[in-house]
PDB file of N, CA and C in Angstrom:
ATOM      1  N   MET A   1     -27.194  -8.026  12.820  1.00  0.00           N
ATOM      2  CA  MET A   1     -26.467  -6.491  12.952  1.00  0.00           C
ATOM      3  C   MET A   1     -25.366  -6.745  14.139  1.00  0.00           C
ATOM      4  N   GLU A   2     -25.562  -7.759  14.954  1.00  0.00           N
ATOM      5  CA  GLU A   2     -24.832  -8.271  16.475  1.00  0.00           C
ATOM      6  C   GLU A   2     -24.104  -9.624  16.281  1.00  0.00           C
ATOM      7  N   PHE A   3     -23.359  -9.323  17.286  1.00  0.00           N
ATOM      8  CA  PHE A   3     -22.747 -10.986  17.329  1.00  0.00           C
ATOM      9  C   PHE A   3     -23.071 -12.223  18.464  1.00  0.00           C
ATOM     10  N   HIS A   4     -23.268 -13.127  17.597  1.00  0.00           N
ATOM     11  CA  HIS A   4     -24.091 -14.017  18.431  1.00  0.00           C
ATOM     12  C   HIS A   4     -22.820 -15.302  17.833  1.00  0.00           C
ATOM     13  N   PRO A   5     -22.141 -15.858  18.785  1.00  0.00           N
ATOM     14  CA  PRO A   5     -20.962 -16.586  18.127  1.00  0.00           C
ATOM     15  C   PRO A   5     -21.714 -18.210  18.160  1.00  0.00           C
ATOM     16  N   GLU A   6     -22.821 -18.306  18.559  1.00  0.00           N
ATOM     17  CA  GLU A   6     -23.839 -19.638  18.597  1.00  0.00           C
ATOM     18  C   GLU A   6     -23.916 -19.771  17.095  1.00  0.00           C
ATOM     19  N   ARG A   7     -24.386 -18.684  16.421  1.00  0.00           N
ATOM     20  CA  ARG A   7     -24.670 -18.978  15.050  1.00  0.00           C
ATOM     21  C   ARG A   7     -23.978 -20.143  13.857  1.00  0.00           C
ATOM     22  N   HIS A   8     -22.367 -19.817  14.776  1.00  0.00           N
ATOM     23  CA  HIS A   8     -21.774 -20.665  13.818  1.00  0.00           C
ATOM     24  C   HIS A   8     -21.785 -22.274  14.247  1.00  0.00           C
ATOM     25  N   LEU A   9     -22.471 -22.341  15.318  1.00  0.00           N
ATOM     26  CA  LEU A   9     -22.198 -24.074  15.989  1.00  0.00           C
ATOM     27  C   LEU A   9     -23.237 -24.794  14.578  1.00  0.00           C
ATOM     28  N   PRO A  10     -22.885 -26.226  14.751  1.00  0.00           N
ATOM     29  CA  PRO A  10     -23.391 -26.922  13.662  1.00  0.00           C
ATOM     30  C   PRO A  10     -24.804 -27.266  14.614  1.00  0.00           C
ATOM     31  N   ASP A  11     -25.935 -27.595  13.416  1.00  0.00           N
ATOM     32  CA  ASP A  11     -27.196 -27.638  13.985  1.00  0.00           C
ATOM     33  C   ASP A  11     -26.934 -28.871  15.260  1.00  0.00           C
ATOM     34  N   THR A  12     -26.355 -29.865  15.233  1.00  0.00           N
ATOM     35  CA  THR A  12     -26.679 -30.578  16.108  1.00  0.00           C
ATOM     36  C   THR A  12     -26.237 -30.369  17.929  1.00  0.00           C
ATOM     37  N   HIS A  13     -25.291 -29.300  17.912  1.00  0.00           N
ATOM     38  CA  HIS A  13     -24.969 -28.934  19.290  1.00  0.00           C
ATOM     39  C   HIS A  13     -25.888 -28.466  19.888  1.00  0.00           C
ATOM     40  N   PRO A  14     -25.873 -28.811  21.369  1.00  0.00           N
ATOM     41  CA  PRO A  14     -26.927 -28.548  21.930  1.00  0.00           C
ATOM     42  C   PRO A  14     -27.107 -26.837  22.458  1.00  0.00           C
ATOM     43  N   LEU A  15     -26.396 -25.895  22.020  1.00  0.00           N
ATOM     44  CA  LEU A  15     -26.526 -24.676  22.300  1.00  0.00           C
ATOM     45  C   LEU A  15     -26.790 -23.714  20.862  1.00  0.00           C
ATOM     46  N   PHE A  16     -26.739 -24.281  19.788  1.00  0.00           N
ATOM     47  CA  PHE A  16     -27.635 -24.029  18.725  1.00  0.00           C
ATOM     48  C   PHE A  16     -29.236 -23.609  19.034  1.00  0.00           C
ATOM     49  N   ASP A  17     -29.159 -22.007  18.385  1.00  0.00           N
ATOM     50  CA  ASP A  17     -30.624 -21.624  18.270  1.00  0.00           C
ATOM     51  C   ASP A  17     -30.995 -21.750  16.655  1.00  0.00           C
ATOM     52  N   GLN A  18     -32.180 -22.251  16.881  1.00  0.00           N
ATOM     53  CA  GLN A  18     -33.292 -22.483  15.429  1.00  0.00           C
ATOM     54  C   GLN A  18     -33.299 -21.239  14.492  1.00  0.00           C
ATOM     55  N   ARG A  19     -33.031 -20.113  15.387  1.00  0.00           N
ATOM     56  CA  ARG A  19     -33.199 -18.524  14.240  1.00  0.00           C
ATOM     57  C   ARG A  19     -32.043 -18.319  13.401  1.00  0.00           C
ATOM     58  N   PHE A  20     -31.005 -19.104  14.160  1.00  0.00           N
ATOM     59  CA  PHE A  20     -29.741 -18.842  12.907  1.00  0.00           C
ATOM     60  C   PHE A  20     -29.637 -19.931  11.709  1.00  0.00           C
ATOM     61  N   ALA A  21     -30.961 -20.937  11.488  1.00  0.00           N
ATOM     62  CA  ALA A  21     -30.713 -21.863  10.755  1.00  0.00           C
ATOM     63  C   ALA A  21     -30.868 -21.577   9.513  1.00  0.00           C
ATOM     64  N   HIS A  22     -31.544 -20.651   8.792  1.00  0.00           N
ATOM     65  CA  HIS A  22     -31.248 -20.454   7.661  1.00  0.00           C
ATOM     66  C   HIS A  22     -30.279 -18.885   7.471  1.00  0.00           C
ATOM     67  N   ASP A  23     -29.064 -18.490   7.836  1.00  0.00           N
ATOM     68  CA  ASP A  23     -28.374 -17.503   8.042  1.00  0.00           C
ATOM     69  C   ASP A  23     -27.266 -18.439   6.848  1.00  0.00           C
ATOM     70  N   ASN A  24     -26.693 -17.243   6.259  1.00  0.00           N
ATOM     71  CA  ASN A  24     -25.559 -17.863   5.138  1.00  0.00           C
ATOM     72  C   ASN A  24     -24.364 -17.478   6.072  1.00  0.00           C
ATOM     73  N   LYS A  25     -23.659 -18.519   6.200  1.00  0.00           N
ATOM     74  CA  LYS A  25     -22.518 -18.150   7.216  1.00  0.00           C
ATOM     75  C   LYS A  25     -21.247 -18.308   6.214  1.00  0.00           C
ATOM     76  N   LYS A  26     -21.266 -18.584   4.838  1.00  0.00           N
ATOM     77  CA  LYS A  26     -20.421 -18.133   3.911  1.00  0.00           C
ATOM     78  C   LYS A  26     -20.322 -16.865   3.456  1.00  0.00           C
ATOM     79  N   ALA A  27     -21.289 -15.696   4.067  1.00  0.00           N
ATOM     80  CA  ALA A  27     -21.102 -14.469   3.897  1.00  0.00           C
ATOM     81  C   ALA A  27     -20.208 -13.976   4.668  1.00  0.00           C
ATOM     82  N   LEU A  28     -19.596 -14.681   5.684  1.00  0.00           N
ATOM     83  CA  LEU A  28     -18.975 -14.120   6.974  1.00  0.00           C
ATOM     84  C   LEU A  28     -17.359 -14.119   6.609  1.00  0.00           C
ATOM     85  N   ILE A  29     -16.236 -13.018   6.742  1.00  0.00           N
ATOM     86  CA  ILE A  29     -15.062 -12.960   5.900  1.00  0.00           C
ATOM     87  C   ILE A  29     -14.709 -12.114   7.046  1.00  0.00           C
ATOM     88  N   PRO A  30     -14.027 -13.074   8.320  1.00  0.00           N
ATOM     89  CA  PRO A  30     -13.613 -12.142   9.446  1.00  0.00           C
ATOM     90  C   PRO A  30     -12.205 -10.997   9.217  1.00  0.00           C
ATOM     91  N   PHE A  31     -12.415 -10.176   9.751  1.00  0.00           N
ATOM     92  CA  PHE A  31     -11.123  -8.703   9.540  1.00  0.00           C
ATOM     93  C   PHE A  31     -10.895  -8.577   8.224  1.00  0.00           C
ATOM     94  N   SER A  32     -12.146  -8.656   7.562  1.00  0.00           N
ATOM     95  CA  SER A  32     -11.554  -8.522   5.751  1.00  0.00           C
ATOM     96  C   SER A  32     -12.304  -6.737   6.146  1.00  0.00           C
ATOM     97  N   LEU A  33     -13.654  -6.257   6.787  1.00  0.00           N
ATOM     98  CA  LEU A  33     -14.422  -4.918   6.269  1.00  0.00           C
ATOM     99  C   LEU A  33     -14.336  -4.049   7.887  1.00  0.00           C
ATOM    100  N   GLY A  34     -15.073  -3.031   7.621  1.00  0.00           N
ATOM    101  CA  GLY A  34     -15.136  -2.570   8.914  1.00  0.00           C
ATOM    102  C   GLY A  34     -13.852  -2.187   9.352  1.00  0.00           C
ATOM    103  N   PRO A  35     -13.589  -1.154  10.817  1.00  0.00           N
ATOM    104  CA  PRO A  35     -12.840  -0.791  11.347  1.00  0.00           C
ATOM    105  C   PRO A  35     -11.126  -1.827  11.505  1.00  0.00           C
ATOM    106  N   ARG A  36     -11.407  -3.267  11.851  1.00  0.00           N
ATOM    107  CA  ARG A  36     -10.611  -4.264  11.850  1.00  0.00           C
ATOM    108  C   ARG A  36     -10.111  -4.608  10.506  1.00  0.00           C
ATOM    109  N   GLY A  37     -10.392  -4.139   9.424  1.00  0.00           N
ATOM    110  CA  GLY A  37      -9.725  -4.473   8.405  1.00  0.00           C
ATOM    111  C   GLY A  37      -8.450  -4.348   7.592  1.00  0.00           C
ATOM    112  N   CYS A  38      -7.811  -4.880   7.399  1.00  0.00           N
ATOM    113  CA  CYS A  38      -6.363  -4.742   6.731  1.00  0.00           C
ATOM    114  C   CYS A  38      -6.369  -3.549   5.858  1.00  0.00           C
ATOM    115  N   PRO A  39      -5.599  -2.458   6.720  1.00  0.00           N
ATOM    116  CA  PRO A  39      -5.601  -1.005   6.122  1.00  0.00           C
ATOM    117  C   PRO A  39      -4.440  -1.238   4.874  1.00  0.00           C
ATOM    118  N   GLY A  40      -3.755  -2.380   4.733  1.00  0.00           N
ATOM    119  CA  GLY A  40      -3.027  -2.287   3.608  1.00  0.00           C
ATOM    120  C   GLY A  40      -3.450  -3.135   2.755  1.00  0.00           C
ATOM    121  N   TYR A  41      -4.977  -3.394   2.682  1.00  0.00           N
ATOM    122  CA  TYR A  41      -5.078  -4.854   1.056  1.00  0.00           C
ATOM    123  C   TYR A  41      -5.437  -3.499   0.129  1.00  0.00           C
ATOM    124  N   ALA A  42      -5.934  -2.547   0.158  1.00  0.00           N
ATOM    125  CA  ALA A  42      -6.325  -2.079  -1.347  1.00  0.00           C
ATOM    126  C   ALA A  42      -5.201  -1.182  -1.856  1.00  0.00           C
ATOM    127  N   SER A  43      -4.518  -0.765  -1.018  1.00  0.00           N
ATOM    128  CA  SER A  43      -3.074  -0.683  -1.451  1.00  0.00           C
ATOM    129  C   SER A  43      -2.026  -1.341  -2.051  1.00  0.00           C
ATOM    130  N   ALA A  44      -1.757  -2.349  -1.614  1.00  0.00           N
ATOM    131  CA  ALA A  44      -1.209  -3.834  -1.707  1.00  0.00           C
ATOM    132  C   ALA A  44      -1.714  -3.900  -3.120  1.00  0.00           C
ATOM    133  N   PHE A  45      -3.066  -3.946  -3.547  1.00  0.00           N
ATOM    134  CA  PHE A  45      -3.585  -4.255  -5.040  1.00  0.00           C
ATOM    135  C   PHE A  45      -3.715  -2.997  -6.014  1.00  0.00           C
ATOM    136  N   MET A  46      -3.428  -2.215  -5.693  1.00  0.00           N
ATOM    137  CA  MET A  46      -3.490  -0.870  -6.230  1.00  0.00           C
ATOM    138  C   MET A  46      -1.777  -1.061  -6.875  1.00  0.00           C
ATOM    139  N   GLN A  47      -0.853  -1.256  -6.126  1.00  0.00           N
ATOM    140  CA  GLN A  47       0.685  -1.513  -6.377  1.00  0.00           C
ATOM    141  C   GLN A  47       1.113  -2.484  -7.098  1.00  0.00           C
ATOM    142  N   ALA A  48       0.409  -3.538  -6.927  1.00  0.00           N
ATOM    143  CA  ALA A  48       0.492  -4.522  -7.925  1.00  0.00           C
ATOM    144  C   ALA A  48       0.130  -4.487  -9.247  1.00  0.00           C
ATOM    145  N   ARG A  49      -1.220  -3.830  -9.575  1.00  0.00           N
ATOM    146  CA  ARG A  49      -1.870  -3.098 -10.732  1.00  0.00           C
ATOM    147  C   ARG A  49      -0.691  -2.179 -11.459  1.00  0.00           C
ATOM    148  N   LEU A  50      -0.297  -1.189 -10.586  1.00  0.00           N
ATOM    149  CA  LEU A  50       0.378  -0.308 -10.970  1.00  0.00           C
ATOM    150  C   LEU A  50       2.076  -1.122 -11.979  1.00  0.00           C
ATOM    151  N   THR A  51       2.357  -2.210 -11.052  1.00  0.00           N
ATOM    152  CA  THR A  51       3.859  -2.814 -11.056  1.00  0.00           C
ATOM    153  C   THR A  51       3.002  -3.481 -12.807  1.00  0.00           C
ATOM    154  N   VAL A  52       2.009  -4.346 -12.331  1.00  0.00           N
ATOM    155  CA  VAL A  52       2.297  -5.215 -13.989  1.00  0.00           C
ATOM    156  C   VAL A  52       1.865  -4.029 -15.152  1.00  0.00           C
ATOM    157  N   ALA A  53       1.062  -2.861 -14.838  1.00  0.00           N
ATOM    158  CA  ALA A  53       1.034  -2.065 -16.430  1.00  0.00           C
ATOM    159  C   ALA A  53       2.300  -1.662 -16.356  1.00  0.00           C
ATOM    160  N   SER A  54       3.089  -1.176 -15.357  1.00  0.00           N
ATOM    161  CA  SER A  54       4.514  -0.281 -15.947  1.00  0.00           C
ATOM    162  C   SER A  54       4.967  -1.190 -16.672  1.00  0.00           C
ATOM    163  N   VAL A  55       5.201  -2.312 -16.345  1.00  0.00           N
ATOM    164  CA  VAL A  55       5.748  -3.861 -17.004  1.00  0.00           C
ATOM    165  C   VAL A  55       5.823  -3.552 -18.329  1.00  0.00           C
ATOM    166  N   VAL A  56       4.076  -4.025 -18.334  1.00  0.00           N
ATOM    167  CA  VAL A  56       3.611  -4.243 -19.648  1.00  0.00           C
ATOM    168  C   VAL A  56       3.923  -2.852 -21.074  1.00  0.00           C
ATOM    169  N   TRP A  57       3.510  -1.713 -20.252  1.00  0.00           N
ATOM    170  CA  TRP A  57       3.694  -0.657 -20.945  1.00  0.00           C
ATOM    171  C   TRP A  57       5.455  -0.348 -21.321  1.00  0.00           C
ATOM    172  N   MET A  58       6.136  -0.925 -20.723  1.00  0.00           N
ATOM    173  CA  MET A  58       7.554  -0.247 -20.909  1.00  0.00           C
ATOM    174  C   MET A  58       8.518  -1.600 -22.033  1.00  0.00           C
ATOM    175  N   PHE A  59       8.152  -2.447 -21.309  1.00  0.00           N
ATOM    176  CA  PHE A  59       8.733  -4.021 -22.404  1.00  0.00           C
ATOM    177  C   PHE A  59       7.618  -4.361 -23.188  1.00  0.00           C
ATOM    178  N   ASP A  60       8.544  -5.146 -24.233  1.00  0.00           N
ATOM    179  CA  ASP A  60       7.692  -6.019 -24.969  1.00  0.00           C
ATOM    180  C   ASP A  60       7.811  -7.644 -24.313  1.00  0.00           C
ATOM    181  N   LEU A  61       7.157  -8.499 -24.085  1.00  0.00           N
ATOM    182  CA  LEU A  61       6.881  -9.593 -23.626  1.00  0.00           C
ATOM    183  C   LEU A  61       7.069 -10.772 -24.390  1.00  0.00           C
ATOM    184  N   GLU A  62       7.713 -12.041 -24.533  1.00  0.00           N
ATOM    185  CA  GLU A  62       8.167 -13.058 -25.336  1.00  0.00           C
ATOM    186  C   GLU A  62       8.095 -14.582 -24.728  1.00  0.00           C
ATOM    187  N   MET A  63       7.047 -14.954 -24.673  1.00  0.00           N
ATOM    188  CA  MET A  63       7.365 -16.539 -24.162  1.00  0.00           C
ATOM    189  C   MET A  63       8.493 -17.144 -24.576  1.00  0.00           C
ATOM    190  N   THR A  64      10.062 -17.748 -24.536  1.00  0.00           N
ATOM    191  CA  THR A  64      10.455 -18.176 -24.967  1.00  0.00           C
ATOM    192  C   THR A  64      10.211 -19.593 -25.369  1.00  0.00           C
ATOM    193  N   ASN A  65      10.347 -20.414 -24.409  1.00  0.00           N
ATOM    194  CA  ASN A  65       9.643 -21.685 -24.650  1.00  0.00           C
ATOM    195  C   ASN A  65       8.412 -22.383 -25.648  1.00  0.00           C
ATOM    196  N   GLY A  66       8.083 -21.221 -25.879  1.00  0.00           N
ATOM    197  CA  GLY A  66       7.477 -21.189 -27.202  1.00  0.00           C
ATOM    198  C   GLY A  66       5.893 -22.190 -26.819  1.00  0.00           C
ATOM    199  N   ASP A  67       5.388 -23.207 -28.036  1.00  0.00           N
ATOM    200  CA  ASP A  67       5.013 -24.348 -27.694  1.00  0.00           C
ATOM    201  C   ASP A  67       4.913 -25.263 -27.080  1.00  0.00           C
ATOM    202  N   SER A  68       6.195 -25.250 -26.211  1.00  0.00           N
ATOM    203  CA  SER A  68       6.460 -26.608 -25.360  1.00  0.00           C
ATOM    204  C   SER A  68       5.264 -26.477 -23.856  1.00  0.00           C
ATOM    205  N   VAL A  69       4.867 -25.484 -23.666  1.00  0.00           N
ATOM    206  CA  VAL A  69       3.936 -25.358 -22.297  1.00  0.00           C
ATOM    207  C   VAL A  69       2.453 -24.898 -23.091  1.00  0.00           C
ATOM    208  N   ASN A  70       1.584 -26.671 -22.725  1.00  0.00           N
ATOM    209  CA  ASN A  70       0.416 -26.721 -23.344  1.00  0.00           C
ATOM    210  C   ASN A  70      -0.541 -26.677 -21.337  1.00  0.00           C
ATOM    211  N   TRP A  71      -1.030 -25.150 -21.351  1.00  0.00           N
ATOM    212  CA  TRP A  71      -1.997 -25.261 -20.423  1.00  0.00           C
ATOM    213  C   TRP A  71      -2.497 -25.983 -19.315  1.00  0.00           C
ATOM    214  N   GLU A  72      -3.671 -26.397 -20.226  1.00  0.00           N
ATOM    215  CA  GLU A  72      -4.095 -27.750 -20.141  1.00  0.00           C
ATOM    216  C   GLU A  72      -3.689 -28.606 -19.290  1.00  0.00           C
ATOM    217  N   ARG A  73      -2.818 -29.437 -20.492  1.00  0.00           N
ATOM    218  CA  ARG A  73      -2.071 -30.403 -20.243  1.00  0.00           C
ATOM    219  C   ARG A  73      -0.691 -30.363 -19.115  1.00  0.00           C
ATOM    220  N   ASP A  74      -0.461 -29.565 -18.564  1.00  0.00           N
ATOM    221  CA  ASP A  74       0.965 -29.408 -17.683  1.00  0.00           C
ATOM    222  C   ASP A  74       0.530 -28.574 -16.544  1.00  0.00           C
ATOM    223  N   THR A  75      -1.188 -27.784 -16.618  1.00  0.00           N
ATOM    224  CA  THR A  75      -1.230 -27.558 -15.185  1.00  0.00           C
ATOM    225  C   THR A  75      -1.944 -28.746 -14.432  1.00  0.00           C
ATOM    226  N   LYS A  76      -1.786 -28.724 -13.152  1.00  0.00           N
ATOM    227  CA  LYS A  76      -2.042 -29.918 -12.269  1.00  0.00           C
ATOM    228  C   LYS A  76      -2.465 -29.145 -11.021  1.00  0.00           C
ATOM    229  N   ILE A  77      -3.581 -29.745 -10.603  1.00  0.00           N
ATOM    230  CA  ILE A  77      -3.943 -28.736  -9.290  1.00  0.00           C
ATOM    231  C   ILE A  77      -4.414 -29.823  -8.443  1.00  0.00           C
ATOM    232  N   TYR A  78      -3.803 -29.847  -7.073  1.00  0.00           N
ATOM    233  CA  TYR A  78      -3.923 -31.079  -6.119  1.00  0.00           C
ATOM    234  C   TYR A  78      -4.387 -30.202  -4.835  1.00  0.00           C
ATOM    235  N   ALA A  79      -3.544 -30.503  -3.853  1.00  0.00           N
ATOM    236  CA  ALA A  79      -3.556 -29.221  -2.586  1.00  0.00           C
ATOM    237  C   ALA A  79      -3.139 -27.802  -3.118  1.00  0.00           C
ATOM    238  N   VAL A  80      -2.274 -27.850  -3.698  1.00  0.00           N
ATOM    239  CA  VAL A  80      -1.700 -26.732  -4.784  1.00  0.00           C
ATOM    240  C   VAL A  80      -1.849 -26.336  -5.795  1.00  0.00           C
ATOM    241  N   TRP A  81      -1.726 -25.434  -6.574  1.00  0.00           N
ATOM    242  CA  TRP A  81      -1.550 -25.492  -8.055  1.00  0.00           C
ATOM    243  C   TRP A  81      -0.039 -25.608  -9.156  1.00  0.00           C
ATOM    244  N   SER A  82      -0.162 -26.246  -9.718  1.00  0.00           N
ATOM    245  CA  SER A  82       1.205 -26.551  -9.683  1.00  0.00           C
ATOM    246  C   SER A  82       1.583 -26.025 -11.169  1.00  0.00           C
ATOM    247  N   LYS A  83       1.993 -25.016 -11.995  1.00  0.00           N
ATOM    248  CA  LYS A  83       1.990 -24.458 -12.878  1.00  0.00           C
ATOM    249  C   LYS A  83       3.369 -24.881 -13.643  1.00  0.00           C
ATOM    250  N   PRO A  84       3.202 -24.922 -15.189  1.00  0.00           N
ATOM    251  CA  PRO A  84       4.320 -24.958 -15.474  1.00  0.00           C
ATOM    252  C   PRO A  84       5.331 -24.355 -15.610  1.00  0.00           C
ATOM    253  N   ARG A  85       6.696 -24.127 -15.821  1.00  0.00           N
ATOM    254  CA  ARG A  85       7.806 -23.173 -15.776  1.00  0.00           C
ATOM    255  C   ARG A  85       7.694 -22.415 -16.893  1.00  0.00           C
ATOM    256  N   VAL A  86       7.560 -21.083 -17.158  1.00  0.00           N
ATOM    257  CA  VAL A  86       7.141 -20.228 -18.582  1.00  0.00           C
ATOM    258  C   VAL A  86       8.497 -19.183 -18.333  1.00  0.00           C
ATOM    259  N   LEU A  87       8.654 -19.168 -19.289  1.00  0.00           N
ATOM    260  CA  LEU A  87      10.298 -18.663 -19.368  1.00  0.00           C
ATOM    261  C   LEU A  87       9.783 -17.125 -20.162  1.00  0.00           C
ATOM    262  N   ILE A  88       9.837 -15.977 -19.837  1.00  0.00           N
ATOM    263  CA  ILE A  88       9.782 -14.807 -20.547  1.00  0.00           C
ATOM    264  C   ILE A  88      11.084 -14.309 -21.081  1.00  0.00           C
ATOM    265  N   LYS A  89      10.921 -13.344 -21.951  1.00  0.00           N
ATOM    266  CA  LYS A  89      12.059 -12.563 -22.521  1.00  0.00           C
ATOM    267  C   LYS A  89      11.345 -11.400 -22.677  1.00  0.00           C
ATOM    268  N   PHE A  90      11.957 -10.467 -21.525  1.00  0.00           N
ATOM    269  CA  PHE A  90      11.663  -8.705 -21.508  1.00  0.00           C
ATOM    270  C   PHE A  90      12.612  -8.151 -22.965  1.00  0.00           C
ATOM    271  N   THR A  91      12.007  -7.539 -23.483  1.00  0.00           N
ATOM    272  CA  THR A  91      12.787  -6.427 -24.437  1.00  0.00           C
ATOM    273  C   THR A  91      12.183  -4.761 -24.419  1.00  0.00           C
ATOM    274  N   LYS A  92      13.340  -4.223 -23.775  1.00  0.00           N
ATOM    275  CA  LYS A  92      13.033  -2.919 -23.206  1.00  0.00           C
ATOM    276  C   LYS A  92      11.977  -2.413 -24.839  1.00  0.00           C
ATOM    277  N   ARG A  93      11.121  -1.503 -24.809  1.00  0.00           N
ATOM    278  CA  ARG A  93      10.509  -0.758 -26.061  1.00  0.00           C
ATOM    279  C   ARG A  93      11.433   0.212 -26.540  1.00  0.00           C
ATOM    280  N   GLY A  94      11.254   0.471 -28.081  1.00  0.00           N
ATOM    281  CA  GLY A  94      12.391   1.457 -28.822  1.00  0.00           C
ATOM    282  C   GLY A  94      13.425   0.994 -28.998  1.00  0.00           C
ATOM    283  N   GLU A  95      13.717  -0.216 -28.757  1.00  0.00           N
ATOM    284  CA  GLU A  95      15.354  -0.362 -28.841  1.00  0.00           C
ATOM    285  C   GLU A  95      15.429  -1.929 -29.985  1.00  0.00           C
TER     286      GLU A  95
END
């Protein structure tokens, strides 16, 4: 529960301390929790969920490019995720 920056050094570094050899370094997510965490993180996810829920509640959604999109065939992942273009028709419910 203390800050020891040398715990993140590689094993071959001369200042590396062996007591940190078995630490799970992937567990560290700086600035995500505690007093320095992003104050808007939870609020942003709540607003996104409410927006998606209200759109699904108020509209009927229909994919207009039908069977022309095959997710397994058309999705490519290189350095970024390349997704196919999806066209969606929004129809207000009750009309």
